[in-house]
């Protein structure tokens, strides 16, 4: 964990960085923001889930991303999964 060099991590290591998300310039760049909260990430999730035909809501902070994925997989109808 904590392997992505986000602005949040760069700041902890006292390295020069742009503090805000480079995609939306709205919020501090954290891993949570980059993967779940950024409007660009949310659109990417929406498009990916639609393309994969996974009938699940876009993930958010709770539950964890891994728990969300397990739940989404369990609730995907068998007709939409590979044999």
C-alpha atoms as a PDB file:
ATOM      1  CA  UNK A   1       0.000   0.000   0.000  1.00  0.00           C
ATOM      2  CA  UNK A   2       0.929   3.653  -0.341  1.00  0.00           C
ATOM      3  CA  UNK A   3       2.905   3.036  -3.522  1.00  0.00           C
ATOM      4  CA  UNK A   4       1.404   5.740  -5.763  1.00  0.00           C
ATOM      5  CA  UNK A   5       3.340   8.988  -5.802  1.00  0.00           C
ATOM      6  CA  UNK A   6       0.362  11.282  -5.273  1.00  0.00           C
ATOM      7  CA  UNK A   7       0.791  14.887  -4.151  1.00  0.00           C
ATOM      8  CA  UNK A   8      -0.131  13.699  -0.667  1.00  0.00           C
ATOM      9  CA  UNK A   9       2.775  11.225  -0.604  1.00  0.00           C
ATOM     10  CA  UNK A  10       5.211  13.652  -2.241  1.00  0.00           C
ATOM     11  CA  UNK A  11       4.422  16.201   0.482  1.00  0.00           C
ATOM     12  CA  UNK A  12       5.196  13.657   3.204  1.00  0.00           C
ATOM     13  CA  UNK A  13       8.615  13.134   1.591  1.00  0.00           C
ATOM     14  CA  UNK A  14       9.101  16.909   1.245  1.00  0.00           C
ATOM     15  CA  UNK A  15       9.326  16.680  -2.557  1.00  0.00           C
ATOM     16  CA  UNK A  16       8.192  19.432  -4.911  1.00  0.00           C
ATOM     17  CA  UNK A  17       4.696  18.839  -6.248  1.00  0.00           C
ATOM     18  CA  UNK A  18       1.447  20.413  -7.401  1.00  0.00           C
ATOM     19  CA  UNK A  19      -0.915  19.936  -4.422  1.00  0.00           C
ATOM     20  CA  UNK A  20      -4.164  19.695  -6.373  1.00  0.00           C
ATOM     21  CA  UNK A  21      -5.412  16.951  -8.670  1.00  0.00           C
ATOM     22  CA  UNK A  22      -3.919  17.505 -12.109  1.00  0.00           C
ATOM     23  CA  UNK A  23      -7.071  16.158 -13.772  1.00  0.00           C
ATOM     24  CA  UNK A  24      -9.729  18.345 -12.170  1.00  0.00           C
ATOM     25  CA  UNK A  25      -7.740  20.936 -10.162  1.00  0.00           C
ATOM     26  CA  UNK A  26     -10.549  20.847  -7.567  1.00  0.00           C
ATOM     27  CA  UNK A  27      -9.263  18.780  -4.645  1.00  0.00           C
ATOM     28  CA  UNK A  28      -5.966  17.724  -3.085  1.00  0.00           C
ATOM     29  CA  UNK A  29      -4.415  14.823  -4.971  1.00  0.00           C
ATOM     30  CA  UNK A  30      -4.873  11.774  -2.753  1.00  0.00           C
ATOM     31  CA  UNK A  31      -5.201   8.160  -3.838  1.00  0.00           C
ATOM     32  CA  UNK A  32      -8.821   8.255  -2.636  1.00  0.00           C
ATOM     33  CA  UNK A  33      -9.509  11.267  -4.826  1.00  0.00           C
ATOM     34  CA  UNK A  34      -7.692   9.884  -7.882  1.00  0.00           C
ATOM     35  CA  UNK A  35      -9.482   6.537  -7.828  1.00  0.00           C
ATOM     36  CA  UNK A  36     -12.924   7.357  -6.467  1.00  0.00           C
ATOM     37  CA  UNK A  37     -13.752  11.032  -6.041  1.00  0.00           C
ATOM     38  CA  UNK A  38     -12.326  12.911  -9.032  1.00  0.00           C
ATOM     39  CA  UNK A  39     -15.027  13.690 -11.623  1.00  0.00           C
ATOM     40  CA  UNK A  40     -12.779  12.149 -14.283  1.00  0.00           C
ATOM     41  CA  UNK A  41     -12.373   8.944 -12.240  1.00  0.00           C
ATOM     42  CA  UNK A  42     -16.116   8.754 -11.646  1.00  0.00           C
ATOM     43  CA  UNK A  43     -16.768   9.108 -15.379  1.00  0.00           C
ATOM     44  CA  UNK A  44     -14.184   6.410 -16.114  1.00  0.00           C
ATOM     45  CA  UNK A  45     -15.877   4.096 -13.584  1.00  0.00           C
ATOM     46  CA  UNK A  46     -19.267   4.809 -15.162  1.00  0.00           C
ATOM     47  CA  UNK A  47     -17.990   4.048 -18.669  1.00  0.00           C
ATOM     48  CA  UNK A  48     -16.084   0.916 -17.604  1.00  0.00           C
ATOM     49  CA  UNK A  49     -19.006  -0.546 -15.661  1.00  0.00           C
ATOM     50  CA  UNK A  50     -21.381   0.146 -18.553  1.00  0.00           C
ATOM     51  CA  UNK A  51     -18.980  -1.407 -21.074  1.00  0.00           C
ATOM     52  CA  UNK A  52     -18.466  -4.472 -18.862  1.00  0.00           C
ATOM     53  CA  UNK A  53     -22.228  -4.633 -18.221  1.00  0.00           C
ATOM     54  CA  UNK A  54     -21.664  -4.846 -14.476  1.00  0.00           C
ATOM     55  CA  UNK A  55     -24.856  -3.690 -12.736  1.00  0.00           C
ATOM     56  CA  UNK A  56     -23.135  -2.077  -9.772  1.00  0.00           C
ATOM     57  CA  UNK A  57     -23.018   1.472  -8.464  1.00  0.00           C
ATOM     58  CA  UNK A  58     -19.833   3.456  -8.881  1.00  0.00           C
ATOM     59  CA  UNK A  59     -17.559   2.684  -5.909  1.00  0.00           C
ATOM     60  CA  UNK A  60     -17.103   5.213  -3.145  1.00  0.00           C
ATOM     61  CA  UNK A  61     -15.268   5.407   0.195  1.00  0.00           C
ATOM     62  CA  UNK A  62     -17.316   2.700   1.906  1.00  0.00           C
ATOM     63  CA  UNK A  63     -16.984  -0.205   1.581  1.00  0.00           C
ATOM     64  CA  UNK A  64     -13.358  -0.694   0.583  1.00  0.00           C
ATOM     65  CA  UNK A  65     -12.627  -1.009  -3.131  1.00  0.00           C
ATOM     66  CA  UNK A  66     -11.898  -4.729  -2.709  1.00  0.00           C
ATOM     67  CA  UNK A  67     -15.166  -5.302  -0.832  1.00  0.00           C
ATOM     68  CA  UNK A  68     -17.038  -3.314  -3.490  1.00  0.00           C
ATOM     69  CA  UNK A  69     -15.486  -5.464  -6.259  1.00  0.00           C
ATOM     70  CA  UNK A  70     -16.397  -8.727  -4.502  1.00  0.00           C
ATOM     71  CA  UNK A  71     -19.969  -7.512  -3.995  1.00  0.00           C
ATOM     72  CA  UNK A  72     -20.235  -6.342  -7.618  1.00  0.00           C
ATOM     73  CA  UNK A  73     -18.976  -9.701  -8.910  1.00  0.00           C
ATOM     74  CA  UNK A  74     -21.356 -11.650  -6.671  1.00  0.00           C
ATOM     75  CA  UNK A  75     -24.335  -9.567  -7.798  1.00  0.00           C
ATOM     76  CA  UNK A  76     -23.588  -9.744 -11.517  1.00  0.00           C
ATOM     77  CA  UNK A  77     -26.101 -12.096 -13.158  1.00  0.00           C
ATOM     78  CA  UNK A  78     -24.532 -15.322 -14.496  1.00  0.00           C
ATOM     79  CA  UNK A  79     -25.739 -14.429 -17.991  1.00  0.00           C
ATOM     80  CA  UNK A  80     -23.328 -11.463 -17.955  1.00  0.00           C
ATOM     81  CA  UNK A  81     -20.263 -13.409 -16.790  1.00  0.00           C
ATOM     82  CA  UNK A  82     -17.941 -15.687 -18.698  1.00  0.00           C
ATOM     83  CA  UNK A  83     -18.419 -19.434 -18.154  1.00  0.00           C
END
